[in-house]
Amino acid sequence: MLAFQLSIQLILLIAVGILVWRLGLLDESFDTSLAALVLNVCLPCMIVKSFCIDFDSQQLKNCAVLVVLSVGLMVLRYFVGQLVFRAHHGDFTGRILRFGAMFTNFSFVGFPVAQ
């Protein structure tokens, strides 16, 4: 149920963003300003806030498992990227697709959930 509620919140935030953009309430410079605000203010605050918890050895174990899974996933994505690169005969599109297979920006979706 929590995942459903978080998904609804995320969809509502996206809908508000689209509505504000369609109404023309924001200009082109807002995009740059918002990115700077998120990267320079909000993200560091979220990182500091995430460390404000009591230490638990189980969380340390969970972090170790997460690191191992992340490295494994990165290796898997590397090989998928290599397959895509070879399928495009090593041209520029293949390079972009290989990079996209390894370094996705899907993690940004988790920021509202992490908060």
C-alpha atoms as a PDB file:
ATOM      1  CA  MET A   1       0.000   0.000   0.000  1.00  0.00           C
ATOM      2  CA  LEU A   2       2.890   2.361   0.762  1.00  0.00           C
ATOM      3  CA  ALA A   3       4.320   1.890  -2.727  1.00  0.00           C
ATOM      4  CA  PHE A   4       0.931   2.751  -4.217  1.00  0.00           C
ATOM      5  CA  GLN A   5       0.663   5.949  -2.140  1.00  0.00           C
ATOM      6  CA  LEU A   6       4.182   7.002  -3.088  1.00  0.00           C
ATOM      7  CA  SER A   7       3.432   6.316  -6.744  1.00  0.00           C
ATOM      8  CA  ILE A   8       0.310   8.472  -6.569  1.00  0.00           C
ATOM      9  CA  GLN A   9       2.300  11.292  -4.946  1.00  0.00           C
ATOM     10  CA  LEU A  10       4.954  11.072  -7.656  1.00  0.00           C
ATOM     11  CA  ILE A  11       2.322  11.079 -10.412  1.00  0.00           C
ATOM     12  CA  LEU A  12       0.657  14.128  -8.859  1.00  0.00           C
ATOM     13  CA  LEU A  13       3.983  15.970  -8.716  1.00  0.00           C
ATOM     14  CA  ILE A  14       4.603  15.176 -12.369  1.00  0.00           C
ATOM     15  CA  ALA A  15       1.082  16.319 -13.289  1.00  0.00           C
ATOM     16  CA  VAL A  16       1.554  19.632 -11.465  1.00  0.00           C
ATOM     17  CA  GLY A  17       4.858  20.137 -13.280  1.00  0.00           C
ATOM     18  CA  ILE A  18       3.245  19.505 -16.658  1.00  0.00           C
ATOM     19  CA  LEU A  19       0.357  21.835 -15.822  1.00  0.00           C
ATOM     20  CA  VAL A  20       2.682  24.651 -14.745  1.00  0.00           C
ATOM     21  CA  TRP A  21       4.760  24.187 -17.902  1.00  0.00           C
ATOM     22  CA  ARG A  22       1.678  24.167 -20.177  1.00  0.00           C
ATOM     23  CA  LEU A  23       0.297  27.300 -18.542  1.00  0.00           C
ATOM     24  CA  GLY A  24       3.587  29.045 -19.266  1.00  0.00           C
ATOM     25  CA  LEU A  25       4.219  30.028 -15.661  1.00  0.00           C
ATOM     26  CA  LEU A  26       7.911  29.199 -15.951  1.00  0.00           C
ATOM     27  CA  ASP A  27      10.501  30.428 -18.440  1.00  0.00           C
ATOM     28  CA  GLU A  28      13.576  28.687 -19.849  1.00  0.00           C
ATOM     29  CA  SER A  29      15.933  29.968 -17.138  1.00  0.00           C
ATOM     30  CA  PHE A  30      13.893  28.210 -14.452  1.00  0.00           C
ATOM     31  CA  ASP A  31      15.139  24.835 -15.668  1.00  0.00           C
ATOM     32  CA  THR A  32      18.759  25.771 -14.960  1.00  0.00           C
ATOM     33  CA  SER A  33      17.895  27.404 -11.638  1.00  0.00           C
ATOM     34  CA  LEU A  34      15.891  24.398 -10.479  1.00  0.00           C
ATOM     35  CA  ALA A  35      18.669  21.969 -11.389  1.00  0.00           C
ATOM     36  CA  ALA A  36      21.169  24.092  -9.448  1.00  0.00           C
ATOM     37  CA  LEU A  37      18.834  24.235  -6.445  1.00  0.00           C
ATOM     38  CA  VAL A  38      18.281  20.480  -6.411  1.00  0.00           C
ATOM     39  CA  LEU A  39      21.946  19.561  -6.885  1.00  0.00           C
ATOM     40  CA  ASN A  40      23.475  22.206  -4.617  1.00  0.00           C
ATOM     41  CA  VAL A  41      20.903  22.493  -1.820  1.00  0.00           C
ATOM     42  CA  CYS A  42      18.285  19.730  -1.737  1.00  0.00           C
ATOM     43  CA  LEU A  43      20.525  16.754  -2.493  1.00  0.00           C
ATOM     44  CA  PRO A  44      23.152  17.599   0.171  1.00  0.00           C
ATOM     45  CA  CYS A  45      20.372  18.190   2.710  1.00  0.00           C
ATOM     46  CA  MET A  46      18.841  14.795   1.913  1.00  0.00           C
ATOM     47  CA  ILE A  47      22.227  13.122   2.278  1.00  0.00           C
ATOM     48  CA  VAL A  48      22.894  14.747   5.662  1.00  0.00           C
ATOM     49  CA  LYS A  49      19.374  13.908   6.852  1.00  0.00           C
ATOM     50  CA  SER A  50      19.831  10.264   5.845  1.00  0.00           C
ATOM     51  CA  PHE A  51      22.767   9.996   8.255  1.00  0.00           C
ATOM     52  CA  CYS A  52      20.701  11.225  11.207  1.00  0.00           C
ATOM     53  CA  ILE A  53      19.761   7.748  12.417  1.00  0.00           C
ATOM     54  CA  ASP A  54      20.876   5.466  15.221  1.00  0.00           C
ATOM     55  CA  PHE A  55      23.595   2.989  14.307  1.00  0.00           C
ATOM     56  CA  ASP A  56      22.428  -0.563  13.749  1.00  0.00           C
ATOM     57  CA  SER A  57      24.660  -3.465  12.737  1.00  0.00           C
ATOM     58  CA  GLN A  58      21.848  -4.867  10.573  1.00  0.00           C
ATOM     59  CA  GLN A  59      21.863  -1.678   8.500  1.00  0.00           C
ATOM     60  CA  LEU A  60      25.600  -2.056   7.995  1.00  0.00           C
ATOM     61  CA  LYS A  61      25.046  -5.604   6.734  1.00  0.00           C
ATOM     62  CA  ASN A  62      22.270  -4.358   4.445  1.00  0.00           C
ATOM     63  CA  CYS A  63      24.636  -1.724   3.041  1.00  0.00           C
ATOM     64  CA  ALA A  64      27.247  -4.379   2.306  1.00  0.00           C
ATOM     65  CA  VAL A  65      24.656  -6.477   0.471  1.00  0.00           C
ATOM     66  CA  LEU A  66      23.561  -3.384  -1.440  1.00  0.00           C
ATOM     67  CA  VAL A  67      27.122  -2.612  -2.529  1.00  0.00           C
ATOM     68  CA  VAL A  68      27.638  -6.197  -3.742  1.00  0.00           C
ATOM     69  CA  LEU A  69      24.339  -6.132  -5.652  1.00  0.00           C
ATOM     70  CA  SER A  70      25.161  -2.740  -7.155  1.00  0.00           C
ATOM     71  CA  VAL A  71      28.560  -3.895  -8.389  1.00  0.00           C
ATOM     72  CA  GLY A  72      26.986  -7.054  -9.816  1.00  0.00           C
ATOM     73  CA  LEU A  73      24.329  -5.032 -11.598  1.00  0.00           C
ATOM     74  CA  MET A  74      26.953  -2.674 -12.975  1.00  0.00           C
ATOM     75  CA  VAL A  75      28.932  -5.602 -14.382  1.00  0.00           C
ATOM     76  CA  LEU A  76      25.761  -7.020 -15.935  1.00  0.00           C
ATOM     77  CA  ARG A  77      24.945  -3.642 -17.488  1.00  0.00           C
ATOM     78  CA  TYR A  78      28.473  -3.426 -18.847  1.00  0.00           C
ATOM     79  CA  PHE A  79      28.030  -6.677 -20.747  1.00  0.00           C
ATOM     80  CA  VAL A  80      24.585  -5.646 -21.997  1.00  0.00           C
ATOM     81  CA  GLY A  81      26.124  -2.358 -23.139  1.00  0.00           C
ATOM     82  CA  GLN A  82      28.879  -4.242 -24.947  1.00  0.00           C
ATOM     83  CA  LEU A  83      26.288  -6.350 -26.768  1.00  0.00           C
ATOM     84  CA  VAL A  84      24.419  -3.216 -27.838  1.00  0.00           C
ATOM     85  CA  PHE A  85      27.671  -1.556 -28.877  1.00  0.00           C
ATOM     86  CA  ARG A  86      28.626  -4.519 -31.051  1.00  0.00           C
ATOM     87  CA  ALA A  87      25.112  -4.715 -32.511  1.00  0.00           C
ATOM     88  CA  HIS A  88      25.627  -1.167 -33.797  1.00  0.00           C
ATOM     89  CA  HIS A  89      29.060  -2.067 -35.181  1.00  0.00           C
ATOM     90  CA  GLY A  90      30.889   0.299 -32.829  1.00  0.00           C
ATOM     91  CA  ASP A  91      29.425   3.493 -34.248  1.00  0.00           C
ATOM     92  CA  PHE A  92      28.475   6.624 -32.324  1.00  0.00           C
ATOM     93  CA  THR A  93      24.933   5.401 -31.570  1.00  0.00           C
ATOM     94  CA  GLY A  94      26.357   2.209 -30.105  1.00  0.00           C
ATOM     95  CA  ARG A  95      28.583   4.226 -27.795  1.00  0.00           C
ATOM     96  CA  ILE A  96      25.669   6.294 -26.539  1.00  0.00           C
ATOM     97  CA  LEU A  97      23.521   3.214 -25.985  1.00  0.00           C
ATOM     98  CA  ARG A  98      26.368   1.455 -24.149  1.00  0.00           C
ATOM     99  CA  PHE A  99      26.756   4.448 -21.853  1.00  0.00           C
ATOM    100  CA  GLY A 100      22.997   4.607 -21.322  1.00  0.00           C
ATOM    101  CA  ALA A 101      22.891   0.929 -20.401  1.00  0.00           C
ATOM    102  CA  MET A 102      25.510   1.413 -17.694  1.00  0.00           C
ATOM    103  CA  PHE A 103      24.642   4.817 -16.256  1.00  0.00           C
ATOM    104  CA  THR A 104      20.902   5.324 -16.105  1.00  0.00           C
ATOM    105  CA  ASN A 105      19.276   8.288 -14.379  1.00  0.00           C
ATOM    106  CA  PHE A 106      16.511   6.088 -13.006  1.00  0.00           C
ATOM    107  CA  SER A 107      17.828   6.636  -9.489  1.00  0.00           C
ATOM    108  CA  PHE A 108      16.435  10.177  -9.535  1.00  0.00           C
ATOM    109  CA  VAL A 109      12.966   8.654  -9.337  1.00  0.00           C
ATOM    110  CA  GLY A 110      13.840   7.456  -5.849  1.00  0.00           C
ATOM    111  CA  PHE A 111      14.522  10.930  -4.430  1.00  0.00           C
ATOM    112  CA  PRO A 112      10.879  11.640  -3.450  1.00  0.00           C
ATOM    113  CA  VAL A 113      10.655   8.135  -1.978  1.00  0.00           C
ATOM    114  CA  ALA A 114      13.893   8.556  -0.006  1.00  0.00           C
ATOM    115  CA  GLN A 115      12.639  11.779   1.479  1.00  0.00           C
END
